C-alpha atoms as a PDB file:
ATOM      1  CA  MET A   1      18.704  34.685 -48.883  1.00  0.00           C
ATOM      2  CA  ILE A   2      20.447  31.791 -47.100  1.00  0.00           C
ATOM      3  CA  TYR A   3      24.255  31.716 -47.108  1.00  0.00           C
ATOM      4  CA  PHE A   4      26.257  28.550 -46.544  1.00  0.00           C
ATOM      5  CA  ASP A   5      29.729  29.887 -45.676  1.00  0.00           C
ATOM      6  CA  ARG A   6      31.497  26.596 -46.183  1.00  0.00           C
ATOM      7  CA  ILE A   7      30.693  23.171 -47.602  1.00  0.00           C
ATOM      8  CA  GLU A   8      33.537  20.671 -47.510  1.00  0.00           C
ATOM      9  CA  VAL A   9      33.667  17.588 -49.740  1.00  0.00           C
ATOM     10  CA  VAL A  10      36.567  15.135 -50.082  1.00  0.00           C
ATOM     11  CA  ASN A  11      37.227  13.535 -53.511  1.00  0.00           C
ATOM     12  CA  MET A  12      39.895  11.171 -54.833  1.00  0.00           C
ATOM     13  CA  LEU A  13      40.666  10.084 -58.415  1.00  0.00           C
ATOM     14  CA  VAL A  14      41.956   6.562 -58.970  1.00  0.00           C
ATOM     15  CA  PRO A  15      45.128   6.676 -61.168  1.00  0.00           C
ATOM     16  CA  SER A  16      43.766   4.139 -63.641  1.00  0.00           C
ATOM     17  CA  ALA A  17      40.738   6.376 -64.317  1.00  0.00           C
ATOM     18  CA  VAL A  18      42.640   9.647 -64.839  1.00  0.00           C
ATOM     19  CA  VAL A  19      42.803   9.451 -68.655  1.00  0.00           C
ATOM     20  CA  ASP A  20      39.123   8.668 -69.158  1.00  0.00           C
ATOM     21  CA  ILE A  21      37.861  11.270 -66.693  1.00  0.00           C
ATOM     22  CA  VAL A  22      40.148  14.056 -68.002  1.00  0.00           C
ATOM     23  CA  ARG A  23      39.217  13.146 -71.594  1.00  0.00           C
ATOM     24  CA  ASN A  24      35.499  13.289 -70.786  1.00  0.00           C
ATOM     25  CA  TYR A  25      35.362  16.153 -68.276  1.00  0.00           C
ATOM     26  CA  THR A  26      38.696  18.017 -68.801  1.00  0.00           C
ATOM     27  CA  ALA A  27      41.148  18.768 -66.037  1.00  0.00           C
ATOM     28  CA  ASP A  28      38.429  20.654 -64.180  1.00  0.00           C
ATOM     29  CA  TYR A  29      36.347  17.518 -63.797  1.00  0.00           C
ATOM     30  CA  ASP A  30      35.655  18.267 -60.143  1.00  0.00           C
ATOM     31  CA  LYS A  31      33.813  21.448 -61.093  1.00  0.00           C
ATOM     32  CA  THR A  32      31.496  19.535 -63.379  1.00  0.00           C
ATOM     33  CA  LEU A  33      31.070  16.412 -61.285  1.00  0.00           C
ATOM     34  CA  ILE A  34      31.155  17.861 -57.764  1.00  0.00           C
ATOM     35  CA  PHE A  35      30.942  21.635 -57.633  1.00  0.00           C
ATOM     36  CA  ASN A  36      27.953  21.956 -59.952  1.00  0.00           C
ATOM     37  CA  LYS A  37      26.322  18.910 -58.354  1.00  0.00           C
ATOM     38  CA  ILE A  38      26.513  20.491 -54.904  1.00  0.00           C
ATOM     39  CA  HIS A  39      24.993  23.664 -56.336  1.00  0.00           C
ATOM     40  CA  HIS A  40      22.168  21.663 -57.876  1.00  0.00           C
ATOM     41  CA  GLU A  41      21.474  19.479 -54.847  1.00  0.00           C
ATOM     42  CA  LEU A  42      21.407  22.399 -52.414  1.00  0.00           C
ATOM     43  CA  ASN A  43      19.187  24.330 -54.803  1.00  0.00           C
ATOM     44  CA  GLN A  44      16.800  21.367 -54.949  1.00  0.00           C
ATOM     45  CA  PHE A  45      16.827  20.960 -51.188  1.00  0.00           C
ATOM     46  CA  CYS A  46      16.153  24.661 -50.512  1.00  0.00           C
ATOM     47  CA  SER A  47      13.394  24.828 -53.114  1.00  0.00           C
ATOM     48  CA  VAL A  48      11.295  22.062 -51.525  1.00  0.00           C
ATOM     49  CA  HIS A  49      11.803  23.003 -47.864  1.00  0.00           C
ATOM     50  CA  THR A  50      10.902  26.023 -45.804  1.00  0.00           C
ATOM     51  CA  LEU A  51      13.367  28.328 -44.123  1.00  0.00           C
ATOM     52  CA  GLN A  52      12.415  26.800 -40.775  1.00  0.00           C
ATOM     53  CA  GLU A  53      13.250  23.323 -42.073  1.00  0.00           C
ATOM     54  CA  VAL A  54      16.541  24.340 -43.761  1.00  0.00           C
ATOM     55  CA  TYR A  55      17.795  26.448 -40.889  1.00  0.00           C
ATOM     56  CA  ILE A  56      16.617  24.345 -37.947  1.00  0.00           C
ATOM     57  CA  GLU A  57      14.569  21.224 -38.433  1.00  0.00           C
ATOM     58  CA  LEU A  58      16.365  19.461 -41.332  1.00  0.00           C
ATOM     59  CA  PHE A  59      19.810  21.042 -41.150  1.00  0.00           C
ATOM     60  CA  ASP A  60      21.336  17.934 -39.604  1.00  0.00           C
ATOM     61  CA  ILE A  61      20.494  15.767 -42.660  1.00  0.00           C
ATOM     62  CA  ILE A  62      21.770  18.130 -45.399  1.00  0.00           C
ATOM     63  CA  ASP A  63      25.286  16.640 -45.369  1.00  0.00           C
ATOM     64  CA  GLU A  64      23.920  13.085 -45.598  1.00  0.00           C
ATOM     65  CA  ASN A  65      21.701  14.022 -48.548  1.00  0.00           C
ATOM     66  CA  LEU A  66      24.643  15.632 -50.366  1.00  0.00           C
ATOM     67  CA  LYS A  67      26.899  12.660 -49.708  1.00  0.00           C
ATOM     68  CA  THR A  68      24.340  10.169 -51.010  1.00  0.00           C
ATOM     69  CA  ALA A  69      23.532  12.221 -54.137  1.00  0.00           C
ATOM     70  CA  LEU A  70      27.192  12.858 -55.008  1.00  0.00           C
ATOM     71  CA  GLN A  71      28.262   9.236 -54.677  1.00  0.00           C
ATOM     72  CA  LYS A  72      25.295   8.021 -56.720  1.00  0.00           C
ATOM     73  CA  ASP A  73      26.149  10.306 -59.655  1.00  0.00           C
ATOM     74  CA  LEU A  74      29.881   9.583 -59.445  1.00  0.00           C
ATOM     75  CA  ASN A  75      29.244   5.839 -59.615  1.00  0.00           C
ATOM     76  CA  ALA A  76      27.229   6.355 -62.798  1.00  0.00           C
ATOM     77  CA  MET A  77      29.168   9.132 -64.572  1.00  0.00           C
ATOM     78  CA  ALA A  78      32.780   8.756 -63.428  1.00  0.00           C
ATOM     79  CA  PRO A  79      33.748   5.331 -62.121  1.00  0.00           C
ATOM     80  CA  GLY A  80      37.053   5.622 -60.305  1.00  0.00           C
ATOM     81  CA  LEU A  81      36.264   9.009 -58.813  1.00  0.00           C
ATOM     82  CA  THR A  82      35.100   9.011 -55.216  1.00  0.00           C
ATOM     83  CA  TYR A  83      34.445  12.031 -53.096  1.00  0.00           C
ATOM     84  CA  ARG A  84      36.965  12.681 -50.370  1.00  0.00           C
ATOM     85  CA  TYR A  85      37.232  16.379 -49.652  1.00  0.00           C
ATOM     86  CA  TYR A  86      35.781  19.515 -51.166  1.00  0.00           C
ATOM     87  CA  SER A  87      35.624  23.029 -49.768  1.00  0.00           C
ATOM     88  CA  GLN A  88      33.283  25.716 -51.054  1.00  0.00           C
ATOM     89  CA  THR A  89      31.349  28.810 -50.088  1.00  0.00           C
ATOM     90  CA  CYS A  90      27.806  29.203 -51.343  1.00  0.00           C
ATOM     91  CA  ALA A  91      24.617  31.168 -50.991  1.00  0.00           C
ATOM     92  CA  CYS A  92      21.140  29.760 -51.400  1.00  0.00           C
ATOM     93  CA  PRO A  93      18.685  32.499 -52.404  1.00  0.00           C
ATOM     94  CA  GLY A  94      15.924  30.007 -53.073  1.00  0.00           C
ATOM     95  CA  PRO A  95      15.856  28.454 -56.547  1.00  0.00           C
ATOM     96  CA  SER A  96      19.397  29.668 -57.406  1.00  0.00           C
ATOM     97  CA  MET A  97      22.772  29.446 -55.616  1.00  0.00           C
ATOM     98  CA  LEU A  98      26.129  31.229 -55.829  1.00  0.00           C
ATOM     99  CA  ILE A  99      29.117  28.977 -55.066  1.00  0.00           C
ATOM    100  CA  THR A 100      32.908  29.547 -55.025  1.00  0.00           C
ATOM    101  CA  THR A 101      35.190  26.542 -54.723  1.00  0.00           C
ATOM    102  CA  SER A 102      38.626  25.408 -53.568  1.00  0.00           C
ATOM    103  CA  HIS A 103      39.630  21.752 -53.330  1.00  0.00           C
ATOM    104  CA  SER A 104      42.222  19.200 -52.262  1.00  0.00           C
ATOM    105  CA  LYS A 105      42.576  15.651 -53.614  1.00  0.00           C
ATOM    106  CA  LEU A 106      44.877  14.312 -50.944  1.00  0.00           C
ATOM    107  CA  GLN A 107      42.472  13.818 -48.057  1.00  0.00           C
ATOM    108  CA  SER A 108      41.570  10.256 -47.148  1.00  0.00           C
ATOM    109  CA  ASN A 109      38.377  10.422 -45.033  1.00  0.00           C
ATOM    110  CA  ASN A 110      34.995  10.252 -46.754  1.00  0.00           C
ATOM    111  CA  ALA A 111      32.985  13.231 -45.530  1.00  0.00           C
ATOM    112  CA  VAL A 112      30.568  15.981 -46.467  1.00  0.00           C
ATOM    113  CA  ARG A 113      30.421  18.807 -43.945  1.00  0.00           C
ATOM    114  CA  VAL A 114      27.979  21.711 -44.158  1.00  0.00           C
ATOM    115  CA  THR A 115      28.325  24.725 -41.888  1.00  0.00           C
ATOM    116  CA  LYS A 116      25.338  26.467 -40.382  1.00  0.00           C
ATOM    117  CA  PRO A 117      23.809  28.778 -43.020  1.00  0.00           C
ATOM    118  CA  LYS A 118      23.544  32.528 -42.520  1.00  0.00           C
ATOM    119  CA  ILE A 119      20.206  34.249 -42.858  1.00  0.00           C
ATOM    120  CA  PRO A 120      19.164  37.933 -42.850  1.00  0.00           C
ATOM    121  CA  GLU A 121      19.420  39.630 -39.473  1.00  0.00           C
ATOM    122  CA  ALA A 122      15.700  40.347 -39.155  1.00  0.00           C
ATOM    123  CA  ILE A 123      14.845  36.743 -39.938  1.00  0.00           C
ATOM    124  CA  ARG A 124      17.549  35.550 -37.574  1.00  0.00           C
ATOM    125  CA  ARG A 125      16.095  37.682 -34.762  1.00  0.00           C
ATOM    126  CA  ASN A 126      12.659  36.269 -35.496  1.00  0.00           C
ATOM    127  CA  PHE A 127      14.057  32.756 -35.367  1.00  0.00           C
ATOM    128  CA  GLU A 128      15.858  33.525 -32.123  1.00  0.00           C
ATOM    129  CA  PHE A 129      12.637  34.945 -30.690  1.00  0.00           C
ATOM    130  CA  MET A 130      10.750  31.884 -31.876  1.00  0.00           C
ATOM    131  CA  GLU A 131      13.391  29.613 -30.403  1.00  0.00           C
ATOM    132  CA  ALA A 132      13.277  31.552 -27.139  1.00  0.00           C
ATOM    133  CA  GLU A 133       9.491  31.269 -27.053  1.00  0.00           C
ATOM    134  CA  LYS A 134       9.686  27.606 -27.918  1.00  0.00           C
ATOM    135  CA  THR A 135      12.260  27.108 -25.185  1.00  0.00           C
ATOM    136  CA  ARG A 136      10.082  29.033 -22.740  1.00  0.00           C
ATOM    137  CA  LEU A 137       7.077  26.938 -23.701  1.00  0.00           C
ATOM    138  CA  LEU A 138       9.119  23.782 -23.310  1.00  0.00           C
ATOM    139  CA  ILE A 139      10.321  24.947 -19.907  1.00  0.00           C
ATOM    140  CA  THR A 140       6.744  25.801 -18.933  1.00  0.00           C
ATOM    141  CA  ALA A 141       5.538  22.419 -20.160  1.00  0.00           C
ATOM    142  CA  GLN A 142       8.327  20.641 -18.319  1.00  0.00           C
ATOM    143  CA  THR A 143       7.615  22.684 -15.184  1.00  0.00           C
ATOM    144  CA  GLN A 144       3.958  21.754 -15.463  1.00  0.00           C
ATOM    145  CA  LYS A 145       4.909  18.107 -15.854  1.00  0.00           C
ATOM    146  CA  VAL A 146       7.159  18.369 -12.808  1.00  0.00           C
ATOM    147  CA  VAL A 147       4.358  19.985 -10.787  1.00  0.00           C
ATOM    148  CA  GLU A 148       1.895  17.348 -11.974  1.00  0.00           C
ATOM    149  CA  LYS A 149       4.399  14.626 -11.170  1.00  0.00           C
ATOM    150  CA  GLU A 150       4.983  16.062  -7.709  1.00  0.00           C
ATOM    151  CA  ALA A 151       1.227  16.325  -7.148  1.00  0.00           C
ATOM    152  CA  GLU A 152       0.785  12.754  -8.340  1.00  0.00           C
ATOM    153  CA  THR A 153       3.595  11.673  -6.040  1.00  0.00           C
ATOM    154  CA  GLU A 154       1.984  13.472  -3.102  1.00  0.00           C
ATOM    155  CA  ARG A 155      -1.372  11.917  -3.964  1.00  0.00           C
ATOM    156  CA  LYS A 156       0.157   8.457  -4.079  1.00  0.00           C
ATOM    157  CA  LYS A 157       1.967   9.127  -0.804  1.00  0.00           C
ATOM    158  CA  ALA A 158      -1.318  10.233   0.772  1.00  0.00           C
ATOM    159  CA  ILE A 159      -3.054   7.125  -0.557  1.00  0.00           C
ATOM    160  CA  ILE A 160      -0.279   4.892   0.756  1.00  0.00           C
ATOM    161  CA  GLU A 161      -0.367   6.656   4.141  1.00  0.00           C
ATOM    162  CA  ALA A 162      -4.160   6.340   4.322  1.00  0.00           C
ATOM    163  CA  GLN A 163      -3.946   2.682   3.372  1.00  0.00           C
ATOM    164  CA  LYS A 164      -1.304   2.146   6.040  1.00  0.00           C
ATOM    165  CA  VAL A 165      -3.477   3.863   8.673  1.00  0.00           C
ATOM    166  CA  ALA A 166      -6.487   1.818   7.562  1.00  0.00           C
ATOM    167  CA  GLN A 167      -4.481  -1.392   7.722  1.00  0.00           C
ATOM    168  CA  VAL A 168      -3.187  -0.531  11.206  1.00  0.00           C
ATOM    169  CA  ALA A 169      -6.738   0.298  12.333  1.00  0.00           C
ATOM    170  CA  GLU A 170      -7.965  -2.981  10.863  1.00  0.00           C
ATOM    171  CA  ILE A 171      -5.227  -4.863  12.711  1.00  0.00           C
ATOM    172  CA  HIS A 172      -6.137  -3.117  15.988  1.00  0.00           C
ATOM    173  CA  PHE A 173      -9.820  -3.833  15.376  1.00  0.00           C
ATOM    174  CA  GLN A 174      -9.147  -7.504  14.740  1.00  0.00           C
ATOM    175  CA  GLN A 175      -6.916  -7.586  17.803  1.00  0.00           C
ATOM    176  CA  LYS A 176      -9.693  -6.132  19.972  1.00  0.00           C
ATOM    177  CA  ILE A 177     -12.174  -8.628  18.540  1.00  0.00           C
ATOM    178  CA  MET A 178      -9.800 -11.465  19.386  1.00  0.00           C
ATOM    179  CA  GLU A 179      -9.312 -10.063  22.890  1.00  0.00           C
ATOM    180  CA  LYS A 180     -13.076  -9.811  23.428  1.00  0.00           C
ATOM    181  CA  GLU A 181     -13.592 -13.317  22.082  1.00  0.00           C
ATOM    182  CA  THR A 182     -10.858 -14.572  24.395  1.00  0.00           C
ATOM    183  CA  GLU A 183     -12.427 -12.777  27.367  1.00  0.00           C
ATOM    184  CA  LYS A 184     -15.827 -14.200  26.432  1.00  0.00           C
ATOM    185  CA  ARG A 185     -14.381 -17.682  26.178  1.00  0.00           C
ATOM    186  CA  ILE A 186     -12.614 -17.315  29.526  1.00  0.00           C
ATOM    187  CA  SER A 187     -15.846 -16.029  31.113  1.00  0.00           C
ATOM    188  CA  GLU A 188     -17.773 -18.967  29.669  1.00  0.00           C
ATOM    189  CA  ILE A 189     -15.185 -21.377  31.028  1.00  0.00           C
ATOM    190  CA  GLU A 190     -15.243 -19.703  34.450  1.00  0.00           C
ATOM    191  CA  ASP A 191     -19.070 -19.712  34.490  1.00  0.00           C
ATOM    192  CA  ALA A 192     -19.129 -23.357  33.506  1.00  0.00           C
ATOM    193  CA  ALA A 193     -16.610 -24.175  36.234  1.00  0.00           C
ATOM    194  CA  PHE A 194     -18.625 -22.167  38.799  1.00  0.00           C
ATOM    195  CA  LEU A 195     -21.853 -23.898  37.787  1.00  0.00           C
ATOM    196  CA  ALA A 196     -20.125 -27.251  37.993  1.00  0.00           C
ATOM    197  CA  ARG A 197     -18.823 -26.447  41.478  1.00  0.00           C
ATOM    198  CA  GLU A 198     -22.201 -25.164  42.662  1.00  0.00           C
ATOM    199  CA  LYS A 199     -23.962 -28.173  41.168  1.00  0.00           C
ATOM    200  CA  ALA A 200     -21.499 -30.494  42.836  1.00  0.00           C
ATOM    201  CA  LYS A 201     -21.967 -28.617  46.112  1.00  0.00           C
ATOM    202  CA  ALA A 202     -25.770 -28.727  45.815  1.00  0.00           C
ATOM    203  CA  ASP A 203     -25.636 -32.395  44.894  1.00  0.00           C
ATOM    204  CA  ALA A 204     -23.439 -33.063  47.909  1.00  0.00           C
ATOM    205  CA  GLU A 205     -25.770 -31.130  50.202  1.00  0.00           C
ATOM    206  CA  TYR A 206     -28.789 -32.868  48.725  1.00  0.00           C
ATOM    207  CA  TYR A 207     -27.106 -36.231  49.145  1.00  0.00           C
ATOM    208  CA  THR A 208     -26.195 -35.379  52.737  1.00  0.00           C
ATOM    209  CA  ALA A 209     -29.717 -34.188  53.516  1.00  0.00           C
ATOM    210  CA  ALA A 210     -31.226 -37.251  51.845  1.00  0.00           C
ATOM    211  CA  LYS A 211     -28.961 -39.559  53.776  1.00  0.00           C
ATOM    212  CA  PHE A 212     -29.653 -37.676  57.000  1.00  0.00           C
ATOM    213  CA  ALA A 213     -33.410 -37.903  56.377  1.00  0.00           C
ATOM    214  CA  GLU A 214     -33.053 -41.575  55.563  1.00  0.00           C
ATOM    215  CA  ALA A 215     -31.075 -42.096  58.758  1.00  0.00           C
ATOM    216  CA  ASN A 216     -33.682 -40.180  60.758  1.00  0.00           C
ATOM    217  CA  THR A 217     -36.420 -42.287  59.192  1.00  0.00           C
ATOM    218  CA  LEU A 218     -34.639 -45.372  60.370  1.00  0.00           C
ATOM    219  CA  LYS A 219     -33.712 -43.822  63.697  1.00  0.00           C
ATOM    220  CA  LEU A 220     -36.928 -42.074  64.778  1.00  0.00           C
ATOM    221  CA  THR A 221     -38.989 -45.097  65.705  1.00  0.00           C
ATOM    222  CA  PRO A 222     -41.934 -44.730  68.107  1.00  0.00           C
ATOM    223  CA  GLU A 223     -39.906 -46.286  70.868  1.00  0.00           C
ATOM    224  CA  TYR A 224     -37.003 -43.850  70.250  1.00  0.00           C
ATOM    225  CA  LEU A 225     -39.346 -40.892  70.216  1.00  0.00           C
ATOM    226  CA  GLU A 226     -40.893 -42.052  73.450  1.00  0.00           C
ATOM    227  CA  LEU A 227     -37.426 -42.300  74.964  1.00  0.00           C
ATOM    228  CA  MET A 228     -36.529 -38.818  73.770  1.00  0.00           C
ATOM    229  CA  LYS A 229     -39.748 -37.467  75.254  1.00  0.00           C
ATOM    230  CA  TYR A 230     -38.931 -38.803  78.683  1.00  0.00           C
ATOM    231  CA  GLN A 231     -35.347 -37.598  78.424  1.00  0.00           C
ATOM    232  CA  ALA A 232     -36.606 -34.125  77.647  1.00  0.00           C
ATOM    233  CA  ILE A 233     -38.938 -34.226  80.622  1.00  0.00           C
ATOM    234  CA  ALA A 234     -36.144 -35.418  82.826  1.00  0.00           C
ATOM    235  CA  ALA A 235     -33.893 -32.607  81.670  1.00  0.00           C
ATOM    236  CA  ASN A 236     -36.403 -29.881  82.657  1.00  0.00           C
ATOM    237  CA  SER A 237     -35.363 -28.019  85.845  1.00  0.00           C
ATOM    238  CA  LYS A 238     -38.947 -27.201  86.919  1.00  0.00           C
ATOM    239  CA  ILE A 239     -42.286 -28.992  86.458  1.00  0.00           C
ATOM    240  CA  TYR A 240     -45.631 -27.685  87.626  1.00  0.00           C
ATOM    241  CA  PHE A 241     -48.732 -29.878  88.149  1.00  0.00           C
ATOM    242  CA  GLY A 242     -52.348 -28.936  89.016  1.00  0.00           C
ATOM    243  CA  GLN A 243     -55.078 -26.613  87.902  1.00  0.00           C
ATOM    244  CA  ASP A 244     -53.810 -23.770  90.043  1.00  0.00           C
ATOM    245  CA  ILE A 245     -50.116 -23.299  89.448  1.00  0.00           C
ATOM    246  CA  PRO A 246     -48.145 -23.702  91.574  1.00  0.00           C
ATOM    247  CA  ASN A 247     -50.167 -26.435  93.270  1.00  0.00           C
ATOM    248  CA  MET A 248     -47.105 -28.671  93.061  1.00  0.00           C
ATOM    249  CA  PHE A 249     -43.520 -27.475  92.744  1.00  0.00           C
ATOM    250  CA  VAL A 250     -40.727 -29.778  91.752  1.00  0.00           C
ATOM    251  CA  GLU A 251     -37.109 -28.491  91.653  1.00  0.00           C
ATOM    252  CA  GLY A 252     -33.849 -30.033  90.509  1.00  0.00           C
ATOM    253  CA  ASN A 253     -33.733 -33.739  89.537  1.00  0.00           C
ATOM    254  CA  ASN A 254     -37.502 -34.015  89.852  1.00  0.00           C
ATOM    255  CA  SER A 255     -37.266 -34.358  93.675  1.00  0.00           C
ATOM    256  CA  PRO A 256     -40.323 -32.891  95.470  1.00  0.00           C
ATOM    257  CA  GLN A 257     -39.500 -29.877  97.685  1.00  0.00           C
ATOM    258  CA  LYS A 258     -43.021 -28.711  98.617  1.00  0.00           C
ATOM    259  CA  MET A 259     -46.271 -30.542  98.371  1.00  0.00           C
ATOM    260  CA  SER A 260     -49.648 -28.859  98.007  1.00  0.00           C
ATOM    261  CA  ARG A 261     -53.069 -30.082  98.861  1.00  0.00           C
ATOM    262  CA  SER A 262     -53.462 -31.656  95.530  1.00  0.00           C
ATOM    263  CA  SER A 263     -50.760 -34.167  96.369  1.00  0.00           C
ATOM    264  CA  GLU A 264     -53.277 -35.786  98.574  1.00  0.00           C
ATOM    265  CA  GLN A 265     -55.283 -36.618  95.436  1.00  0.00           C
ATOM    266  CA  PRO A 266     -53.114 -39.088  93.573  1.00  0.00           C
ATOM    267  CA  GLY A 267     -55.678 -39.717  90.821  1.00  0.00           C
ATOM    268  CA  VAL A 268     -55.832 -36.098  89.754  1.00  0.00           C
ATOM    269  CA  GLU A 269     -52.046 -35.746  89.770  1.00  0.00           C
ATOM    270  CA  SER A 270     -51.622 -38.786  87.579  1.00  0.00           C
ATOM    271  CA  ASP A 271     -54.142 -37.505  85.020  1.00  0.00           C
ATOM    272  CA  LEU A 272     -52.544 -34.060  84.855  1.00  0.00           C
ATOM    273  CA  LEU A 273     -49.072 -35.561  84.435  1.00  0.00           C
ATOM    274  CA  LYS A 274     -50.270 -37.759  81.604  1.00  0.00           C
ATOM    275  CA  GLN A 275     -51.937 -34.788  79.832  1.00  0.00           C
ATOM    276  CA  LYS A 276     -48.773 -32.725  80.204  1.00  0.00           C
ATOM    277  CA  LEU A 277     -46.597 -35.447  78.809  1.00  0.00           C
ATOM    278  CA  ASP A 278     -48.961 -36.039  75.903  1.00  0.00           C
ATOM    279  CA  SER A 279     -48.998 -32.338  75.075  1.00  0.00           C
ATOM    280  CA  ASN A 280     -45.208 -32.285  74.997  1.00  0.00           C
END
């Protein structure tokens, strides 16, 4: 059994339609046109929906369904009567409903308000347990989502950090490559400069030696060599002549200091001197 403690409906009768509506539906027209209609509509709604739907899932649309159904029938059966305010207490046992009514015709706001229905205590406890379990499951699911989101966030942070480290390492690697290439280029330039200097130095030495050899070729004539030979002989401090040295001793400036027996043989001395000079 479902009990709706209070259902409020506002209704207003246009003065020009009073005679026709009272003639057709008596002075208790609201009972026929509104009270019984609410009973019927709630009975229909409860008969095609489960307790779960009436009590929880579809409770928020009951008032809209009643409002739409009431206005549709009033437009067809009693033009001039619009719902404004109605207050009633009812119970919905399933296919039937018990309703008591009180009403006011002076309210001005269109509305249908349905209070939360009452259900048996055992069923209510079951619903509360189900709602608690559902809430717990929702909390668990949300907690799981939060944990998964945090894990995903940590994973993304780790990926970003790894990418940053890799990018920094790549930058350092490229920097080292550039440094090595620069050092290689500098070394090549220095080697090229050194080779150029050494080549220039060797070329200069070769040129000097070639020119010196050329000058010597021009300078060392037979006459010059003969002159140099005699100058060398003249520069010697001692000269010995004869087969038995010392047969003749000459000291200082080629002036004879002591003469041997061989000096008495001028032919032999001349031949020995010539051989000595030729050998030099």
